[in-house]
Structures are given as C-alpha cells and as structure tokens.
Amino acid sequence: MVVYVLWWQKYDYVEILGVYSSIEEAEKHIPDDDVENYEYEGFSIEEFELDDFVS
C-alpha cells in the first residue's frame, strides 16, 4: 500500500500535516492558495510504501 505524507518544514522545525491515499488528496490539504509552488513555501509530499517499514 502506498501513502502520501504531507509535511511542512522551516529550518529545523517539521510538522506532519497528514497522511493520504493519493497525491491529489494531499495537495487539497495544503493550507495555501499557491498549490503550484507549494515546495517553495516549505511544503512537501513524500510517497511511502508501507511494506518498507515491515521487518
């Protein structure tokens, strides 16, 4: 299963804003009007495969 984590970072401070099932759903939850340039504003969406964390 793939999930997308929306997070925001400013210097050493990181805040996880949510975990979503699609990148489109994560983009809807960016608390900014400028979704096209969200990475410039400090937001990131990272894709994770949940099986990556199973040992």
PDB file of N, CA and C in Angstrom:
ATOM      1  N   MET A   1       0.848  -1.172   0.000  1.00  0.00           N
ATOM      2  CA  MET A   1       0.000   0.000   0.000  1.00  0.00           C
ATOM      3  C   MET A   1       0.895   1.238   0.000  1.00  0.00           C
ATOM      4  N   VAL A   2       0.551   2.195  -0.846  1.00  0.00           N
ATOM      5  CA  VAL A   2       1.296   3.444  -0.955  1.00  0.00           C
ATOM      6  C   VAL A   2       0.502   4.541  -0.248  1.00  0.00           C
ATOM      7  N   VAL A   3       1.203   5.350   0.549  1.00  0.00           N
ATOM      8  CA  VAL A   3       0.590   6.510   1.195  1.00  0.00           C
ATOM      9  C   VAL A   3       1.431   7.738   0.887  1.00  0.00           C
ATOM     10  N   TYR A   4       0.817   8.896   1.006  1.00  0.00           N
ATOM     11  CA  TYR A   4       1.483  10.168   0.744  1.00  0.00           C
ATOM     12  C   TYR A   4       1.423  11.008   2.012  1.00  0.00           C
ATOM     13  N   VAL A   5       2.588  11.445   2.476  1.00  0.00           N
ATOM     14  CA  VAL A   5       2.681  12.232   3.697  1.00  0.00           C
ATOM     15  C   VAL A   5       2.905  13.693   3.314  1.00  0.00           C
ATOM     16  N   LEU A   6       2.017  14.540   3.797  1.00  0.00           N
ATOM     17  CA  LEU A   6       2.139  15.986   3.591  1.00  0.00           C
ATOM     18  C   LEU A   6       2.803  16.566   4.829  1.00  0.00           C
ATOM     19  N   TRP A   7       3.915  17.265   4.611  1.00  0.00           N
ATOM     20  CA  TRP A   7       4.620  17.863   5.736  1.00  0.00           C
ATOM     21  C   TRP A   7       5.135  19.234   5.366  1.00  0.00           C
ATOM     22  N   TRP A   8       5.396  20.030   6.397  1.00  0.00           N
ATOM     23  CA  TRP A   8       5.883  21.393   6.237  1.00  0.00           C
ATOM     24  C   TRP A   8       7.134  21.559   7.084  1.00  0.00           C
ATOM     25  N   GLN A   9       8.144  22.241   6.535  1.00  0.00           N
ATOM     26  CA  GLN A   9       9.402  22.429   7.249  1.00  0.00           C
ATOM     27  C   GLN A   9       9.884  23.861   7.112  1.00  0.00           C
ATOM     28  N   LYS A  10      10.327  24.412   8.230  1.00  0.00           N
ATOM     29  CA  LYS A  10      11.001  25.704   8.241  1.00  0.00           C
ATOM     30  C   LYS A  10      12.215  25.543   9.148  1.00  0.00           C
ATOM     31  N   TYR A  11      13.365  25.571   8.537  1.00  0.00           N
ATOM     32  CA  TYR A  11      14.634  25.346   9.219  1.00  0.00           C
ATOM     33  C   TYR A  11      14.613  23.970   9.887  1.00  0.00           C
ATOM     34  N   ASP A  12      14.733  23.891  11.213  1.00  0.00           N
ATOM     35  CA  ASP A  12      14.768  22.611  11.917  1.00  0.00           C
ATOM     36  C   ASP A  12      13.397  22.158  12.399  1.00  0.00           C
ATOM     37  N   TYR A  13      12.374  22.952  12.177  1.00  0.00           N
ATOM     38  CA  TYR A  13      11.021  22.620  12.636  1.00  0.00           C
ATOM     39  C   TYR A  13      10.267  21.901  11.516  1.00  0.00           C
ATOM     40  N   VAL A  14       9.735  20.716  11.821  1.00  0.00           N
ATOM     41  CA  VAL A  14       8.970  19.928  10.848  1.00  0.00           C
ATOM     42  C   VAL A  14       7.614  19.604  11.457  1.00  0.00           C
ATOM     43  N   GLU A  15       6.576  19.787  10.659  1.00  0.00           N
ATOM     44  CA  GLU A  15       5.226  19.471  11.105  1.00  0.00           C
ATOM     45  C   GLU A  15       4.559  18.566  10.073  1.00  0.00           C
ATOM     46  N   ILE A  16       4.125  17.387  10.498  1.00  0.00           N
ATOM     47  CA  ILE A  16       3.401  16.469   9.618  1.00  0.00           C
ATOM     48  C   ILE A  16       1.936  16.889   9.635  1.00  0.00           C
ATOM     49  N   LEU A  17       1.413  17.187   8.448  1.00  0.00           N
ATOM     50  CA  LEU A  17       0.053  17.696   8.338  1.00  0.00           C
ATOM     51  C   LEU A  17      -0.967  16.611   8.025  1.00  0.00           C
ATOM     52  N   GLY A  18      -0.526  15.471   7.515  1.00  0.00           N
ATOM     53  CA  GLY A  18      -1.475  14.403   7.238  1.00  0.00           C
ATOM     54  C   GLY A  18      -0.887  13.302   6.388  1.00  0.00           C
ATOM     55  N   VAL A  19      -1.598  12.171   6.368  1.00  0.00           N
ATOM     56  CA  VAL A  19      -1.244  11.009   5.558  1.00  0.00           C
ATOM     57  C   VAL A  19      -2.453  10.704   4.679  1.00  0.00           C
ATOM     58  N   TYR A  20      -2.219  10.581   3.357  1.00  0.00           N
ATOM     59  CA  TYR A  20      -3.312  10.471   2.402  1.00  0.00           C
ATOM     60  C   TYR A  20      -3.094   9.309   1.440  1.00  0.00           C
ATOM     61  N   SER A  21      -4.160   8.880   0.806  1.00  0.00           N
ATOM     62  CA  SER A  21      -4.092   7.741  -0.105  1.00  0.00           C
ATOM     63  C   SER A  21      -3.717   8.143  -1.532  1.00  0.00           C
ATOM     64  N   SER A  22      -3.761   9.444  -1.848  1.00  0.00           N
ATOM     65  CA  SER A  22      -3.375   9.896  -3.184  1.00  0.00           C
ATOM     66  C   SER A  22      -2.674  11.241  -3.085  1.00  0.00           C
ATOM     67  N   ILE A  23      -1.861  11.531  -4.079  1.00  0.00           N
ATOM     68  CA  ILE A  23      -1.156  12.820  -4.095  1.00  0.00           C
ATOM     69  C   ILE A  23      -2.142  13.968  -4.306  1.00  0.00           C
ATOM     70  N   GLU A  24      -3.199  13.714  -5.058  1.00  0.00           N
ATOM     71  CA  GLU A  24      -4.212  14.746  -5.280  1.00  0.00           C
ATOM     72  C   GLU A  24      -4.910  15.109  -3.976  1.00  0.00           C
ATOM     73  N   GLU A  25      -5.200  14.107  -3.150  1.00  0.00           N
ATOM     74  CA  GLU A  25      -5.843  14.356  -1.860  1.00  0.00           C
ATOM     75  C   GLU A  25      -4.910  15.154  -0.942  1.00  0.00           C
ATOM     76  N   ALA A  26      -3.620  14.826  -0.961  1.00  0.00           N
ATOM     77  CA  ALA A  26      -2.649  15.561  -0.154  1.00  0.00           C
ATOM     78  C   ALA A  26      -2.564  17.015  -0.610  1.00  0.00           C
ATOM     79  N   GLU A  27      -2.569  17.250  -1.920  1.00  0.00           N
ATOM     80  CA  GLU A  27      -2.492  18.618  -2.444  1.00  0.00           C
ATOM     81  C   GLU A  27      -3.699  19.451  -2.031  1.00  0.00           C
ATOM     82  N   LYS A  28      -4.869  18.814  -1.895  1.00  0.00           N
ATOM     83  CA  LYS A  28      -6.076  19.530  -1.471  1.00  0.00           C
ATOM     84  C   LYS A  28      -5.937  20.085  -0.058  1.00  0.00           C
ATOM     85  N   HIS A  29      -5.071  19.473   0.753  1.00  0.00           N
ATOM     86  CA  HIS A  29      -4.946  19.858   2.156  1.00  0.00           C
ATOM     87  C   HIS A  29      -3.769  20.793   2.423  1.00  0.00           C
ATOM     88  N   ILE A  30      -3.130  21.298   1.375  1.00  0.00           N
ATOM     89  CA  ILE A  30      -2.070  22.286   1.558  1.00  0.00           C
ATOM     90  C   ILE A  30      -2.738  23.597   1.954  1.00  0.00           C
ATOM     91  N   PRO A  31      -2.422  24.113   3.144  1.00  0.00           N
ATOM     92  CA  PRO A  31      -3.107  25.319   3.620  1.00  0.00           C
ATOM     93  C   PRO A  31      -2.537  26.597   3.006  1.00  0.00           C
ATOM     94  N   ASP A  32      -2.575  26.665   1.682  1.00  0.00           N
ATOM     95  CA  ASP A  32      -2.045  27.817   0.965  1.00  0.00           C
ATOM     96  C   ASP A  32      -2.765  27.909  -0.366  1.00  0.00           C
ATOM     97  N   ASP A  33      -2.918  29.103  -0.892  1.00  0.00           N
ATOM     98  CA  ASP A  33      -3.611  29.289  -2.168  1.00  0.00           C
ATOM     99  C   ASP A  33      -2.736  28.918  -3.363  1.00  0.00           C
ATOM    100  N   ASP A  34      -1.422  28.959  -3.201  1.00  0.00           N
ATOM    101  CA  ASP A  34      -0.492  28.742  -4.305  1.00  0.00           C
ATOM    102  C   ASP A  34      -0.030  27.285  -4.338  1.00  0.00           C
ATOM    103  N   VAL A  35      -0.899  26.377  -4.773  1.00  0.00           N
ATOM    104  CA  VAL A  35      -0.591  24.948  -4.774  1.00  0.00           C
ATOM    105  C   VAL A  35       0.503  24.618  -5.789  1.00  0.00           C
ATOM    106  N   GLU A  36       0.607  25.388  -6.846  1.00  0.00           N
ATOM    107  CA  GLU A  36       1.619  25.128  -7.873  1.00  0.00           C
ATOM    108  C   GLU A  36       3.040  25.264  -7.328  1.00  0.00           C
ATOM    109  N   ASN A  37       3.247  26.161  -6.384  1.00  0.00           N
ATOM    110  CA  ASN A  37       4.579  26.423  -5.830  1.00  0.00           C
ATOM    111  C   ASN A  37       4.672  26.031  -4.362  1.00  0.00           C
ATOM    112  N   TYR A  38       3.991  24.946  -3.978  1.00  0.00           N
ATOM    113  CA  TYR A  38       3.939  24.586  -2.567  1.00  0.00           C
ATOM    114  C   TYR A  38       5.309  24.229  -1.993  1.00  0.00           C
ATOM    115  N   GLU A  39       6.211  23.687  -2.802  1.00  0.00           N
ATOM    116  CA  GLU A  39       7.531  23.338  -2.285  1.00  0.00           C
ATOM    117  C   GLU A  39       8.330  24.586  -1.918  1.00  0.00           C
ATOM    118  N   TYR A  40       8.138  25.655  -2.646  1.00  0.00           N
ATOM    119  CA  TYR A  40       8.801  26.923  -2.327  1.00  0.00           C
ATOM    120  C   TYR A  40       8.350  27.445  -0.966  1.00  0.00           C
ATOM    121  N   GLU A  41       7.104  27.163  -0.604  1.00  0.00           N
ATOM    122  CA  GLU A  41       6.543  27.624   0.668  1.00  0.00           C
ATOM    123  C   GLU A  41       6.922  26.710   1.832  1.00  0.00           C
ATOM    124  N   GLY A  42       7.678  25.641   1.586  1.00  0.00           N
ATOM    125  CA  GLY A  42       8.127  24.753   2.657  1.00  0.00           C
ATOM    126  C   GLY A  42       7.334  23.476   2.800  1.00  0.00           C
ATOM    127  N   PHE A  43       6.336  23.260   1.934  1.00  0.00           N
ATOM    128  CA  PHE A  43       5.528  22.049   1.996  1.00  0.00           C
ATOM    129  C   PHE A  43       6.142  20.972   1.114  1.00  0.00           C
ATOM    130  N   SER A  44       5.994  19.724   1.538  1.00  0.00           N
ATOM    131  CA  SER A  44       6.469  18.593   0.741  1.00  0.00           C
ATOM    132  C   SER A  44       5.461  17.469   0.835  1.00  0.00           C
ATOM    133  N   ILE A  45       5.386  16.695  -0.238  1.00  0.00           N
ATOM    134  CA  ILE A  45       4.572  15.482  -0.249  1.00  0.00           C
ATOM    135  C   ILE A  45       5.518  14.345  -0.594  1.00  0.00           C
ATOM    136  N   GLU A  46       5.604  13.388   0.311  1.00  0.00           N
ATOM    137  CA  GLU A  46       6.527  12.261   0.147  1.00  0.00           C
ATOM    138  C   GLU A  46       5.725  10.970   0.021  1.00  0.00           C
ATOM    139  N   GLU A  47       6.114  10.128  -0.921  1.00  0.00           N
ATOM    140  CA  GLU A  47       5.450   8.849  -1.138  1.00  0.00           C
ATOM    141  C   GLU A  47       6.167   7.760  -0.341  1.00  0.00           C
ATOM    142  N   PHE A  48       5.394   6.936   0.365  1.00  0.00           N
ATOM    143  CA  PHE A  48       5.948   5.829   1.135  1.00  0.00           C
ATOM    144  C   PHE A  48       5.196   4.546   0.821  1.00  0.00           C
ATOM    145  N   GLU A  49       5.910   3.484   0.696  1.00  0.00           N
ATOM    146  CA  GLU A  49       5.332   2.153   0.576  1.00  0.00           C
ATOM    147  C   GLU A  49       5.298   1.583   1.987  1.00  0.00           C
ATOM    148  N   LEU A  50       4.118   1.252   2.483  1.00  0.00           N
ATOM    149  CA  LEU A  50       4.010   0.794   3.868  1.00  0.00           C
ATOM    150  C   LEU A  50       4.807  -0.479   4.117  1.00  0.00           C
ATOM    151  N   ASP A  51       5.006  -1.294   3.109  1.00  0.00           N
ATOM    152  CA  ASP A  51       5.793  -2.508   3.271  1.00  0.00           C
ATOM    153  C   ASP A  51       7.258  -2.206   3.561  1.00  0.00           C
ATOM    154  N   ASP A  52       7.718  -0.983   3.280  1.00  0.00           N
ATOM    155  CA  ASP A  52       9.101  -0.592   3.534  1.00  0.00           C
ATOM    156  C   ASP A  52       9.436  -0.644   5.020  1.00  0.00           C
ATOM    157  N   PHE A  53       8.427  -0.532   5.874  1.00  0.00           N
ATOM    158  CA  PHE A  53       8.669  -0.439   7.299  1.00  0.00           C
ATOM    159  C   PHE A  53       8.433  -1.757   8.031  1.00  0.00           C
ATOM    160  N   VAL A  54       8.125  -2.801   7.313  1.00  0.00           N
ATOM    161  CA  VAL A  54       7.896  -4.111   7.927  1.00  0.00           C
ATOM    162  C   VAL A  54       9.215  -4.886   7.914  1.00  0.00           C
ATOM    163  N   SER A  55       9.587  -5.394   9.079  1.00  0.00           N
ATOM    164  CA  SER A  55      10.843  -6.145   9.132  1.00  0.00           C
ATOM    165  C   SER A  55      10.611  -7.639   9.185  1.00  0.00           C
TER     166      SER A  55
END
